């Protein structure tokens, strides 16, 4: 995982969820799925749309899994692999 990609993904997720005030506490191992109350199905849709727009690739439906959204780091790793 690239630190730059992690920082970009982290900022994108925090912005979508409206929780930028928690930025200092977010690390790659910070849980996302099931741990952040603001992270719901609508947030997943918005995060995917933002990732597609910002990083220039399409996320297929079968790629949207619990493993991808398990932590901030796993989401960043997904983006790094798809870039």
Protein backbone atom coordinates (compact mmCIF):
# COMPACT_ATOMS: atom_id res chain seq x y z
CA UNK A 1 0.00 0.00 0.00
CA UNK A 2 1.33 3.39 -0.97
CA UNK A 3 1.20 6.07 1.71
CA UNK A 4 -0.02 8.55 -0.88
CA UNK A 5 -2.87 6.29 -1.99
CA UNK A 6 -3.78 5.56 1.62
CA UNK A 7 -3.91 9.29 2.40
CA UNK A 8 -6.07 9.95 -0.69
CA UNK A 9 -8.47 7.10 0.08
CA UNK A 10 -8.65 8.08 3.75
CA UNK A 11 -9.46 11.71 2.87
CA UNK A 12 -12.09 10.60 0.35
CA UNK A 13 -13.81 8.27 2.85
CA UNK A 14 -13.68 10.83 5.67
CA UNK A 15 -15.18 13.46 3.36
CA UNK A 16 -18.00 11.19 2.16
CA UNK A 17 -18.80 10.11 5.71
CA UNK A 18 -18.50 13.65 7.10
CA UNK A 19 -16.05 12.58 9.80
CA UNK A 20 -12.94 14.57 8.91
CA UNK A 21 -12.62 15.49 12.60
CA UNK A 22 -11.51 11.88 13.25
CA UNK A 23 -8.67 11.94 10.69
CA UNK A 24 -5.89 11.84 13.29
CA UNK A 25 -7.17 8.53 14.67
CA UNK A 26 -7.42 6.71 11.31
CA UNK A 27 -4.67 4.21 10.48
CA UNK A 28 -4.59 1.42 7.85
CA UNK A 29 -5.76 -1.11 10.44
CA UNK A 30 -8.70 1.05 11.57
CA UNK A 31 -11.92 -0.96 11.03
CA UNK A 32 -14.43 0.46 8.61
CA UNK A 33 -17.16 -2.13 8.02
CA UNK A 34 -19.27 -2.52 11.13
CA UNK A 35 -17.20 -0.06 13.15
CA UNK A 36 -18.09 3.36 11.75
CA UNK A 37 -21.78 4.20 12.30
CA UNK A 38 -21.82 6.60 9.33
CA UNK A 39 -20.67 3.80 7.00
CA UNK A 40 -23.92 2.45 5.57
CA UNK A 41 -25.05 1.15 2.18
CA UNK A 42 -25.54 4.65 0.78
CA UNK A 43 -22.03 5.59 1.90
CA UNK A 44 -20.64 2.53 0.09
CA UNK A 45 -22.32 3.67 -3.14
CA UNK A 46 -20.94 7.20 -2.76
CA UNK A 47 -17.44 5.99 -1.87
CA UNK A 48 -17.37 3.72 -4.92
CA UNK A 49 -18.54 6.58 -7.16
CA UNK A 50 -15.87 8.88 -5.74
CA UNK A 51 -13.15 6.22 -6.15
CA UNK A 52 -14.16 5.65 -9.77
CA UNK A 53 -14.10 9.36 -10.50
CA UNK A 54 -10.89 10.17 -8.67
CA UNK A 55 -8.81 7.15 -9.64
CA UNK A 56 -10.21 6.56 -13.12
CA UNK A 57 -11.41 2.97 -13.04
CA UNK A 58 -14.75 1.19 -12.79
CA UNK A 59 -15.52 -0.90 -9.73
CA UNK A 60 -17.49 -3.97 -10.81
CA UNK A 61 -20.39 -5.16 -8.65
CA UNK A 62 -18.62 -8.42 -7.81
CA UNK A 63 -15.66 -6.46 -6.43
CA UNK A 64 -17.78 -4.80 -3.73
CA UNK A 65 -17.13 -7.23 -0.89
CA UNK A 66 -16.84 -7.10 2.86
CA UNK A 67 -13.14 -7.86 2.57
CA UNK A 68 -12.52 -4.73 0.49
CA UNK A 69 -14.30 -2.54 3.05
CA UNK A 70 -13.00 -4.29 6.17
CA UNK A 71 -10.50 -1.56 7.10
CA UNK A 72 -9.21 1.69 5.69
CA UNK A 73 -6.09 -0.24 4.66
CA UNK A 74 -7.94 -2.97 2.76
CA UNK A 75 -9.85 -0.32 0.82
CA UNK A 76 -6.60 1.48 0.05
CA UNK A 77 -4.98 -1.80 -1.04
CA UNK A 78 -7.90 -2.42 -3.41
CA UNK A 79 -7.42 1.01 -4.98
CA UNK A 80 -3.65 0.49 -5.26
CA UNK A 81 -4.13 -2.84 -7.06
CA UNK A 82 -6.68 -1.37 -9.47
CA UNK A 83 -4.76 1.79 -10.35
